[in-house]
């Protein structure tokens, strides 16, 4: 995992992913607007690396430069997670709307 290999000195482990994350991002509508660099990580990869970044920052013992690099990486990972969650929310909203038009009137069911 990229987070465990990271030293925290520069961007704290830029996970490139394997391409599957980009396919899922495109399907979820979250791949647009990324500056065409590396494929976006999956939600789970970003969440796990963010957890690792937070643990390193909480443990302390880092230089200011290392801490700032980890903080910036954490902000980027949090934004990735938010894009995935927004895509999931949008898909759920569409599915619920389609279900509402399909004649199912079970209002209490969330999905």
C-alpha atoms as a PDB file:
ATOM      1  CA  UNK A   1       0.000   0.000   0.000  1.00  0.00           C
ATOM      2  CA  UNK A   2       1.319   3.419  -0.934  1.00  0.00           C
ATOM      3  CA  UNK A   3       0.626   4.942   2.462  1.00  0.00           C
ATOM      4  CA  UNK A   4       2.790   2.432   4.292  1.00  0.00           C
ATOM      5  CA  UNK A   5       5.707   2.904   1.889  1.00  0.00           C
ATOM      6  CA  UNK A   6       5.550   6.674   2.230  1.00  0.00           C
ATOM      7  CA  UNK A   7       8.155   8.583   4.173  1.00  0.00           C
ATOM      8  CA  UNK A   8       5.965  11.641   4.490  1.00  0.00           C
ATOM      9  CA  UNK A   9       8.620  13.899   2.973  1.00  0.00           C
ATOM     10  CA  UNK A  10       6.916  14.620  -0.311  1.00  0.00           C
ATOM     11  CA  UNK A  11       3.172  14.348  -0.833  1.00  0.00           C
ATOM     12  CA  UNK A  12       3.119  11.320   1.492  1.00  0.00           C
ATOM     13  CA  UNK A  13       2.692   8.595  -1.128  1.00  0.00           C
ATOM     14  CA  UNK A  14       0.985   9.450  -4.370  1.00  0.00           C
ATOM     15  CA  UNK A  15      -1.048   6.296  -5.046  1.00  0.00           C
ATOM     16  CA  UNK A  16      -1.440   5.911  -8.782  1.00  0.00           C
ATOM     17  CA  UNK A  17      -4.071   3.180  -8.679  1.00  0.00           C
ATOM     18  CA  UNK A  18      -4.486   0.470 -11.266  1.00  0.00           C
ATOM     19  CA  UNK A  19      -6.962   2.105 -13.600  1.00  0.00           C
ATOM     20  CA  UNK A  20      -9.971   0.374 -12.051  1.00  0.00           C
ATOM     21  CA  UNK A  21     -10.488   3.413  -9.840  1.00  0.00           C
ATOM     22  CA  UNK A  22     -10.744   5.673 -12.897  1.00  0.00           C
ATOM     23  CA  UNK A  23     -13.264   3.367 -14.553  1.00  0.00           C
ATOM     24  CA  UNK A  24     -15.361   3.418 -11.398  1.00  0.00           C
ATOM     25  CA  UNK A  25     -14.881   7.184 -11.114  1.00  0.00           C
ATOM     26  CA  UNK A  26     -16.098   7.644 -14.662  1.00  0.00           C
ATOM     27  CA  UNK A  27     -19.085   5.413 -13.968  1.00  0.00           C
ATOM     28  CA  UNK A  28     -19.849   7.396 -10.812  1.00  0.00           C
ATOM     29  CA  UNK A  29     -19.342  10.690 -12.596  1.00  0.00           C
ATOM     30  CA  UNK A  30     -16.334  11.576 -10.449  1.00  0.00           C
ATOM     31  CA  UNK A  31     -13.583  11.245 -13.042  1.00  0.00           C
ATOM     32  CA  UNK A  32     -14.315  14.492 -14.822  1.00  0.00           C
ATOM     33  CA  UNK A  33     -12.355  17.529 -13.832  1.00  0.00           C
ATOM     34  CA  UNK A  34      -9.249  15.680 -12.729  1.00  0.00           C
ATOM     35  CA  UNK A  35      -6.340  17.260 -14.492  1.00  0.00           C
ATOM     36  CA  UNK A  36      -5.591  14.146 -16.561  1.00  0.00           C
ATOM     37  CA  UNK A  37      -2.659  13.090 -14.381  1.00  0.00           C
ATOM     38  CA  UNK A  38      -2.785   9.673 -12.745  1.00  0.00           C
ATOM     39  CA  UNK A  39      -6.052   7.746 -12.515  1.00  0.00           C
ATOM     40  CA  UNK A  40      -8.033   8.612  -9.416  1.00  0.00           C
ATOM     41  CA  UNK A  41      -7.848   6.228  -6.482  1.00  0.00           C
ATOM     42  CA  UNK A  42     -10.834   4.191  -5.419  1.00  0.00           C
ATOM     43  CA  UNK A  43     -12.798   5.440  -2.427  1.00  0.00           C
ATOM     44  CA  UNK A  44     -11.427   2.635  -0.280  1.00  0.00           C
ATOM     45  CA  UNK A  45      -7.809   3.339  -1.266  1.00  0.00           C
ATOM     46  CA  UNK A  46      -8.211   7.048  -0.531  1.00  0.00           C
ATOM     47  CA  UNK A  47      -9.983   6.386   2.778  1.00  0.00           C
ATOM     48  CA  UNK A  48      -7.334   3.909   3.928  1.00  0.00           C
ATOM     49  CA  UNK A  49      -4.467   6.199   2.987  1.00  0.00           C
ATOM     50  CA  UNK A  50      -6.222   9.138   4.662  1.00  0.00           C
ATOM     51  CA  UNK A  51      -6.512   7.047   7.827  1.00  0.00           C
ATOM     52  CA  UNK A  52      -2.767   6.359   7.652  1.00  0.00           C
ATOM     53  CA  UNK A  53      -1.983  10.052   7.127  1.00  0.00           C
ATOM     54  CA  UNK A  54      -4.104  11.028  10.136  1.00  0.00           C
ATOM     55  CA  UNK A  55      -2.400   8.409  12.320  1.00  0.00           C
ATOM     56  CA  UNK A  56       1.056   9.699  11.304  1.00  0.00           C
ATOM     57  CA  UNK A  57       0.080  13.287  12.030  1.00  0.00           C
ATOM     58  CA  UNK A  58      -1.435  12.337  15.393  1.00  0.00           C
ATOM     59  CA  UNK A  59       1.667  10.347  16.356  1.00  0.00           C
ATOM     60  CA  UNK A  60       3.800  13.453  15.985  1.00  0.00           C
ATOM     61  CA  UNK A  61       7.574  13.462  15.758  1.00  0.00           C
ATOM     62  CA  UNK A  62       7.576  14.897  12.241  1.00  0.00           C
ATOM     63  CA  UNK A  63       9.294  17.973  10.977  1.00  0.00           C
ATOM     64  CA  UNK A  64       7.159  20.929   9.991  1.00  0.00           C
ATOM     65  CA  UNK A  65       7.863  20.209   6.325  1.00  0.00           C
ATOM     66  CA  UNK A  66       6.812  16.565   6.714  1.00  0.00           C
ATOM     67  CA  UNK A  67       3.694  17.546   8.643  1.00  0.00           C
ATOM     68  CA  UNK A  68       2.674  20.082   5.993  1.00  0.00           C
ATOM     69  CA  UNK A  69       3.222  17.559   3.199  1.00  0.00           C
ATOM     70  CA  UNK A  70       1.099  15.005   5.036  1.00  0.00           C
ATOM     71  CA  UNK A  71      -1.583  17.607   5.746  1.00  0.00           C
ATOM     72  CA  UNK A  72      -1.740  18.539   2.050  1.00  0.00           C
ATOM     73  CA  UNK A  73      -1.916  14.882   1.079  1.00  0.00           C
ATOM     74  CA  UNK A  74      -4.712  14.390   3.596  1.00  0.00           C
ATOM     75  CA  UNK A  75      -6.650  17.308   2.114  1.00  0.00           C
ATOM     76  CA  UNK A  76      -6.282  15.782  -1.351  1.00  0.00           C
ATOM     77  CA  UNK A  77      -7.393  12.364  -0.125  1.00  0.00           C
ATOM     78  CA  UNK A  78     -10.378  13.867   1.689  1.00  0.00           C
ATOM     79  CA  UNK A  79     -11.390  15.634  -1.538  1.00  0.00           C
ATOM     80  CA  UNK A  80     -11.135  12.338  -3.421  1.00  0.00           C
ATOM     81  CA  UNK A  81     -13.369  10.645  -0.841  1.00  0.00           C
ATOM     82  CA  UNK A  82     -15.862  13.505  -1.077  1.00  0.00           C
ATOM     83  CA  UNK A  83     -16.005  13.208  -4.895  1.00  0.00           C
ATOM     84  CA  UNK A  84     -16.760   9.494  -4.576  1.00  0.00           C
ATOM     85  CA  UNK A  85     -19.443  10.119  -1.953  1.00  0.00           C
ATOM     86  CA  UNK A  86     -21.042  12.867  -4.047  1.00  0.00           C
ATOM     87  CA  UNK A  87     -21.113  10.502  -7.033  1.00  0.00           C
ATOM     88  CA  UNK A  88     -22.730   7.803  -4.909  1.00  0.00           C
ATOM     89  CA  UNK A  89     -25.314  10.283  -3.579  1.00  0.00           C
ATOM     90  CA  UNK A  90     -26.149  11.353  -7.125  1.00  0.00           C
ATOM     91  CA  UNK A  91     -26.574   7.740  -8.253  1.00  0.00           C
ATOM     92  CA  UNK A  92     -28.839   7.005  -5.282  1.00  0.00           C
ATOM     93  CA  UNK A  93     -30.927  10.084  -5.998  1.00  0.00           C
ATOM     94  CA  UNK A  94     -31.388   9.013  -9.624  1.00  0.00           C
ATOM     95  CA  UNK A  95     -32.236   5.444  -8.597  1.00  0.00           C
ATOM     96  CA  UNK A  96     -34.756   6.645  -6.028  1.00  0.00           C
ATOM     97  CA  UNK A  97     -36.321   9.010  -8.537  1.00  0.00           C
ATOM     98  CA  UNK A  98     -36.585   6.237 -11.143  1.00  0.00           C
ATOM     99  CA  UNK A  99     -38.071   3.939  -8.543  1.00  0.00           C
ATOM    100  CA  UNK A 100     -40.644   6.592  -7.693  1.00  0.00           C
ATOM    101  CA  UNK A 101     -41.675   6.789 -11.338  1.00  0.00           C
ATOM    102  CA  UNK A 102     -41.853   2.997 -11.582  1.00  0.00           C
ATOM    103  CA  UNK A 103     -45.029   2.733  -9.552  1.00  0.00           C
ATOM    104  CA  UNK A 104     -43.482   1.520  -6.289  1.00  0.00           C
ATOM    105  CA  UNK A 105     -45.086   3.623  -3.597  1.00  0.00           C
ATOM    106  CA  UNK A 106     -43.223   2.234  -0.600  1.00  0.00           C
ATOM    107  CA  UNK A 107     -42.143   5.654   0.718  1.00  0.00           C
ATOM    108  CA  UNK A 108     -40.507   4.250   3.867  1.00  0.00           C
ATOM    109  CA  UNK A 109     -37.880   2.190   2.007  1.00  0.00           C
ATOM    110  CA  UNK A 110     -34.642   4.184   1.496  1.00  0.00           C
ATOM    111  CA  UNK A 111     -33.669   2.318  -1.649  1.00  0.00           C
END
